[in-house]
N, C-alpha and C. Protein backbone atom coordinates (compact mmCIF):
# COMPACT_ATOMS: atom_id res chain seq x y z
N MET A 1 88.56 89.88 98.49
CA MET A 1 87.78 89.30 99.51
C MET A 1 87.50 90.47 100.43
N SER A 2 86.16 90.79 100.77
CA SER A 2 85.52 91.74 101.65
C SER A 2 86.26 91.59 103.22
N GLU A 3 86.14 92.64 103.75
CA GLU A 3 86.60 92.67 105.18
C GLU A 3 85.62 91.68 106.10
N ARG A 4 84.48 91.73 105.70
CA ARG A 4 83.27 90.80 106.48
C ARG A 4 83.83 89.50 106.29
N TRP A 5 83.97 88.99 105.14
CA TRP A 5 84.35 87.65 104.62
C TRP A 5 85.61 87.10 105.26
N ARG A 6 86.48 88.07 105.34
CA ARG A 6 87.97 88.04 105.68
C ARG A 6 87.97 87.60 107.38
N GLY A 7 87.10 88.14 107.93
CA GLY A 7 86.95 88.37 109.42
C GLY A 7 86.22 86.78 109.61
N ALA A 8 85.29 86.53 108.92
CA ALA A 8 84.51 85.27 109.17
C ALA A 8 85.60 84.05 108.63
N ALA A 9 86.31 84.08 107.77
CA ALA A 9 87.41 83.02 107.46
C ALA A 9 88.22 83.09 108.67
N LEU A 10 88.77 84.02 109.07
CA LEU A 10 89.69 84.01 110.25
C LEU A 10 89.08 83.51 111.57
N ALA A 11 87.75 83.82 111.90
CA ALA A 11 87.14 83.44 113.03
C ALA A 11 87.05 81.81 112.74
N ALA A 12 86.57 81.25 111.53
CA ALA A 12 86.49 79.97 111.33
C ALA A 12 87.91 79.08 111.56
N ALA A 13 88.87 79.57 111.14
CA ALA A 13 90.21 79.08 111.24
C ALA A 13 90.61 79.08 112.88
N LEU A 14 90.28 80.11 113.63
CA LEU A 14 90.71 80.08 115.03
C LEU A 14 89.87 79.27 115.70
N LEU A 15 88.51 79.04 115.15
CA LEU A 15 87.50 78.10 115.75
C LEU A 15 88.07 76.58 115.56
N ALA A 16 88.46 76.49 114.46
CA ALA A 16 89.09 75.12 114.09
C ALA A 16 90.25 74.92 115.10
N LEU A 17 91.07 75.80 115.22
CA LEU A 17 92.55 75.53 116.12
C LEU A 17 91.98 75.37 117.51
N ALA A 18 90.88 76.06 118.09
CA ALA A 18 90.45 76.03 119.51
C ALA A 18 89.95 74.53 119.51
N ALA A 19 89.17 74.07 118.43
CA ALA A 19 88.66 72.66 118.72
C ALA A 19 89.80 71.45 118.62
N CYS A 20 90.92 71.69 118.19
CA CYS A 20 91.81 70.85 118.20
C CYS A 20 92.89 71.09 119.56
N GLU A 21 92.53 71.35 120.51
CA GLU A 21 93.37 71.87 121.42
C GLU A 21 94.64 71.01 122.01
N THR A 22 94.48 69.97 121.79
CA THR A 22 95.66 69.13 122.32
C THR A 22 96.23 68.30 121.01
N GLY A 23 95.60 68.30 120.05
CA GLY A 23 96.06 67.62 118.89
C GLY A 23 96.12 68.59 117.73
N GLY A 24 96.37 68.17 116.54
CA GLY A 24 96.48 68.90 115.33
C GLY A 24 97.59 69.98 115.49
N VAL A 25 97.45 71.17 115.26
CA VAL A 25 98.32 72.32 115.45
C VAL A 25 98.85 72.65 116.76
N TRP A 26 98.09 71.93 117.83
CA TRP A 26 98.50 72.32 119.03
C TRP A 26 99.29 71.16 119.77
N ALA A 27 99.68 70.11 118.80
CA ALA A 27 100.10 68.80 119.23
C ALA A 27 101.60 69.35 119.71
N ASN A 28 102.30 70.51 119.24
CA ASN A 28 103.82 70.87 119.94
C ASN A 28 103.68 71.62 121.17
N VAL A 29 102.55 71.94 121.51
CA VAL A 29 102.26 72.83 122.77
C VAL A 29 101.95 71.83 124.01
N PRO A 30 102.78 71.90 125.06
CA PRO A 30 102.82 71.09 126.15
C PRO A 30 101.31 71.23 126.79
N THR A 31 100.71 70.30 127.19
CA THR A 31 99.25 70.40 127.85
C THR A 31 99.79 70.74 129.32
N ASP A 32 99.19 72.01 129.76
CA ASP A 32 99.53 72.81 130.91
C ASP A 32 98.34 73.34 131.34
N ASN A 33 97.79 72.87 132.41
CA ASN A 33 96.24 73.20 133.10
C ASN A 33 96.42 74.40 134.00
N THR A 34 97.87 74.73 134.28
CA THR A 34 97.92 75.96 135.33
C THR A 34 97.44 77.13 134.55
N PRO A 35 96.94 78.24 135.35
CA PRO A 35 96.71 79.50 135.09
C PRO A 35 97.40 80.13 133.89
N ASP A 36 98.71 80.04 134.10
CA ASP A 36 99.69 80.51 133.23
C ASP A 36 99.63 79.91 131.73
N GLY A 37 99.44 78.47 131.86
CA GLY A 37 99.51 77.74 130.59
C GLY A 37 98.33 78.08 130.06
N GLN A 38 97.08 78.13 130.60
CA GLN A 38 95.94 78.35 129.83
C GLN A 38 95.86 79.81 129.26
N ALA A 39 96.28 80.73 130.03
CA ALA A 39 96.40 82.16 129.53
C ALA A 39 97.22 82.31 128.46
N CYS A 40 98.47 81.55 128.34
CA CYS A 40 99.41 81.45 127.30
C CYS A 40 98.84 80.91 126.00
N ARG A 41 97.94 79.71 126.19
CA ARG A 41 97.23 79.31 124.96
C ARG A 41 96.30 80.20 124.44
N ARG A 42 95.44 80.94 125.22
CA ARG A 42 94.84 82.17 124.73
C ARG A 42 95.55 83.24 124.18
N GLU A 43 96.50 83.48 124.54
CA GLU A 43 97.46 84.41 123.96
C GLU A 43 98.21 84.12 122.75
N ALA A 44 98.35 82.87 122.80
CA ALA A 44 99.12 82.19 121.54
C ALA A 44 98.17 82.37 120.34
N GLU A 45 96.84 82.11 120.67
CA GLU A 45 95.57 82.14 119.49
C GLU A 45 95.63 83.56 119.17
N GLN A 46 95.82 84.67 119.90
CA GLN A 46 95.76 85.96 119.58
C GLN A 46 96.96 86.48 118.95
N ASP A 47 98.01 85.90 119.10
CA ASP A 47 99.23 86.23 118.53
C ASP A 47 99.30 86.72 117.02
N PRO A 48 99.70 87.83 116.80
CA PRO A 48 99.63 88.64 115.28
C PRO A 48 100.09 87.54 114.29
N GLU A 49 101.35 86.91 114.61
CA GLU A 49 101.95 85.97 113.75
C GLU A 49 100.97 84.63 113.53
N VAL A 50 100.51 84.21 114.60
CA VAL A 50 99.69 83.09 114.40
C VAL A 50 98.59 83.32 113.66
N ARG A 51 97.79 84.70 113.79
CA ARG A 51 96.56 84.85 113.30
C ARG A 51 96.81 85.00 111.80
N ARG A 52 97.99 85.70 111.66
CA ARG A 52 98.31 85.94 109.83
C ARG A 52 98.60 84.60 109.26
N ILE A 53 99.29 83.60 109.87
CA ILE A 53 99.10 82.24 109.22
C ILE A 53 97.79 81.49 109.15
N ALA A 54 97.07 81.71 110.19
CA ALA A 54 95.87 81.08 110.14
C ALA A 54 94.90 81.67 109.23
N SER A 55 95.03 82.86 109.01
CA SER A 55 94.41 83.67 107.70
C SER A 55 94.58 83.13 106.46
N GLN A 56 95.69 82.15 106.28
CA GLN A 56 95.96 81.81 105.06
C GLN A 56 95.12 80.41 104.68
N PHE A 57 94.61 79.84 105.58
CA PHE A 57 93.84 78.55 105.51
C PHE A 57 92.79 78.80 104.51
N THR A 58 92.78 77.87 103.58
CA THR A 58 91.57 77.88 102.73
C THR A 58 90.75 76.83 102.76
N ALA A 59 89.31 77.27 102.50
CA ALA A 59 88.22 76.20 102.70
C ALA A 59 87.92 75.60 101.27
N SER A 60 88.81 75.96 100.50
CA SER A 60 88.54 75.76 99.07
C SER A 60 88.87 74.17 98.81
N GLY A 61 89.55 73.60 99.78
CA GLY A 61 90.13 72.23 99.41
C GLY A 61 91.35 72.17 99.03
N ASN A 62 92.31 73.10 98.98
CA ASN A 62 93.77 73.17 98.43
C ASN A 62 94.28 72.40 99.46
N GLU A 63 94.50 71.25 99.62
CA GLU A 63 95.12 70.33 100.68
C GLU A 63 96.49 70.62 100.56
N ALA A 64 97.21 70.82 99.53
CA ALA A 64 98.77 71.11 99.73
C ALA A 64 99.11 72.32 100.40
N TRP A 65 98.40 73.58 100.05
CA TRP A 65 98.43 74.58 100.63
C TRP A 65 98.10 74.67 102.03
N ASN A 66 96.99 74.07 102.56
CA ASN A 66 96.35 73.88 104.00
C ASN A 66 97.46 73.06 104.65
N GLU A 67 98.25 72.09 104.17
CA GLU A 67 99.07 71.44 104.75
C GLU A 67 100.46 72.24 105.24
N ARG A 68 100.79 73.07 104.32
CA ARG A 68 101.76 74.17 104.30
C ARG A 68 101.35 74.87 105.47
N VAL A 69 100.28 75.34 105.70
CA VAL A 69 99.85 76.30 106.45
C VAL A 69 99.91 75.61 107.85
N ARG A 70 99.48 74.44 108.06
CA ARG A 70 99.32 73.59 109.16
C ARG A 70 100.94 73.38 109.80
N GLN A 71 101.87 73.12 108.73
CA GLN A 71 103.14 73.04 109.38
C GLN A 71 103.68 74.35 109.88
N GLU A 72 103.29 75.36 109.39
CA GLU A 72 103.85 76.71 109.84
C GLU A 72 103.12 76.98 111.17
N MET A 73 101.88 76.65 111.24
CA MET A 73 101.26 76.60 112.75
C MET A 73 102.06 75.55 113.74
N LEU A 74 102.29 74.59 113.38
CA LEU A 74 103.16 73.74 114.24
C LEU A 74 104.44 74.39 114.87
N ILE A 75 104.81 75.35 114.10
CA ILE A 75 106.08 76.12 114.73
C ILE A 75 105.64 77.32 115.36
N ALA A 76 104.68 78.06 114.79
CA ALA A 76 104.30 79.44 115.43
C ALA A 76 103.58 79.21 116.85
N LEU A 77 102.76 78.35 116.77
CA LEU A 77 101.91 78.09 117.98
C LEU A 77 102.85 77.86 119.39
N PRO A 78 103.68 76.95 119.27
CA PRO A 78 104.53 76.66 120.50
C PRO A 78 105.46 77.75 120.57
N ARG A 79 105.93 78.34 119.57
CA ARG A 79 106.96 79.79 119.83
C ARG A 79 106.09 80.69 120.64
N ALA A 80 104.68 80.91 120.32
CA ALA A 80 104.17 81.94 121.03
C ALA A 80 103.73 81.58 122.37
N TRP A 81 103.34 80.39 122.31
CA TRP A 81 103.12 79.80 123.87
C TRP A 81 104.34 80.15 124.86
N ARG A 82 105.58 79.52 124.33
CA ARG A 82 106.74 79.51 125.05
C ARG A 82 107.37 80.96 125.39
N GLU A 83 107.04 81.93 124.40
CA GLU A 83 107.47 83.41 124.70
C GLU A 83 106.47 83.87 125.84
N CYS A 84 105.30 83.50 125.68
CA CYS A 84 104.38 84.04 127.04
C CYS A 84 104.69 83.38 128.35
N MET A 85 104.89 82.02 128.20
CA MET A 85 105.14 81.45 129.63
C MET A 85 106.61 82.00 129.95
N THR A 86 107.58 82.21 129.24
CA THR A 86 109.04 82.81 129.71
C THR A 86 108.50 84.31 130.35
N ARG A 87 107.93 85.06 129.51
CA ARG A 87 107.39 86.48 129.84
C ARG A 87 106.69 86.51 131.23
N ARG A 88 105.89 85.55 131.55
CA ARG A 88 105.29 85.40 132.80
C ARG A 88 106.06 84.67 133.95
N GLY A 89 107.36 84.13 133.33
CA GLY A 89 108.30 83.54 134.61
C GLY A 89 107.73 82.21 135.06
N ALA A 90 107.01 81.45 134.09
CA ALA A 90 106.38 80.33 134.55
C ALA A 90 107.26 79.20 133.76
N MET A 91 108.32 79.61 132.93
CA MET A 91 109.27 78.80 132.04
C MET A 91 110.33 79.52 132.06
N PRO A 92 111.72 78.87 132.42
CA PRO A 92 112.98 79.54 132.15
C PRO A 92 113.25 79.72 130.79
N GLY A 93 113.89 80.86 130.38
CA GLY A 93 114.36 81.17 128.99
C GLY A 93 115.34 80.46 128.65
N GLY A 94 115.71 80.16 127.52
CA GLY A 94 116.86 79.54 126.80
C GLY A 94 116.76 78.17 126.81
N GLY A 95 117.87 77.35 126.81
CA GLY A 95 117.77 75.79 126.54
C GLY A 95 117.88 75.36 125.26
N VAL A 96 117.52 74.14 125.16
CA VAL A 96 117.33 73.35 123.99
C VAL A 96 116.10 73.62 123.08
N GLU A 97 116.10 73.48 121.92
CA GLU A 97 115.05 73.85 121.00
C GLU A 97 114.22 72.50 121.20
N PRO A 98 112.88 72.48 121.37
CA PRO A 98 112.17 71.31 121.47
C PRO A 98 112.06 70.61 120.22
N LEU A 99 111.87 69.29 120.02
CA LEU A 99 111.72 68.66 118.79
C LEU A 99 110.64 69.10 118.11
N ARG A 100 110.48 69.30 116.81
CA ARG A 100 109.37 69.44 116.15
C ARG A 100 108.74 68.43 115.41
N ARG A 101 107.44 68.54 115.44
CA ARG A 101 106.79 67.38 114.92
C ARG A 101 106.45 67.54 113.27
N THR A 102 106.78 66.54 112.59
CA THR A 102 106.47 66.71 111.05
C THR A 102 105.04 66.48 110.32
N THR A 103 104.25 65.82 111.10
CA THR A 103 102.86 65.46 110.76
C THR A 103 102.00 65.52 111.96
N PHE A 104 100.90 65.31 111.49
CA PHE A 104 99.68 65.24 112.66
C PHE A 104 99.69 63.98 113.30
């Protein structure tokens, strides 16, 4: 896959993520409209691990693979968001791990 097409596929995947800001893969990220919460949502979208996972999404219709990618995103996005919120001091570190959703 050429670099141009890879970039287009990644942009499409991230655009799809942004469109589903409260559901889908964002379902495990709390709705937080504070400046820190919104900044951390943007940062989570740009997280290298999240981008790596999003780049694996296929538009070819392989639903089993895409479901696997969605499940990984359900874990990676909240993790990146929580790390950002903790780093900004908007959320205390540690505590009990939040429950994970298994489906949309």
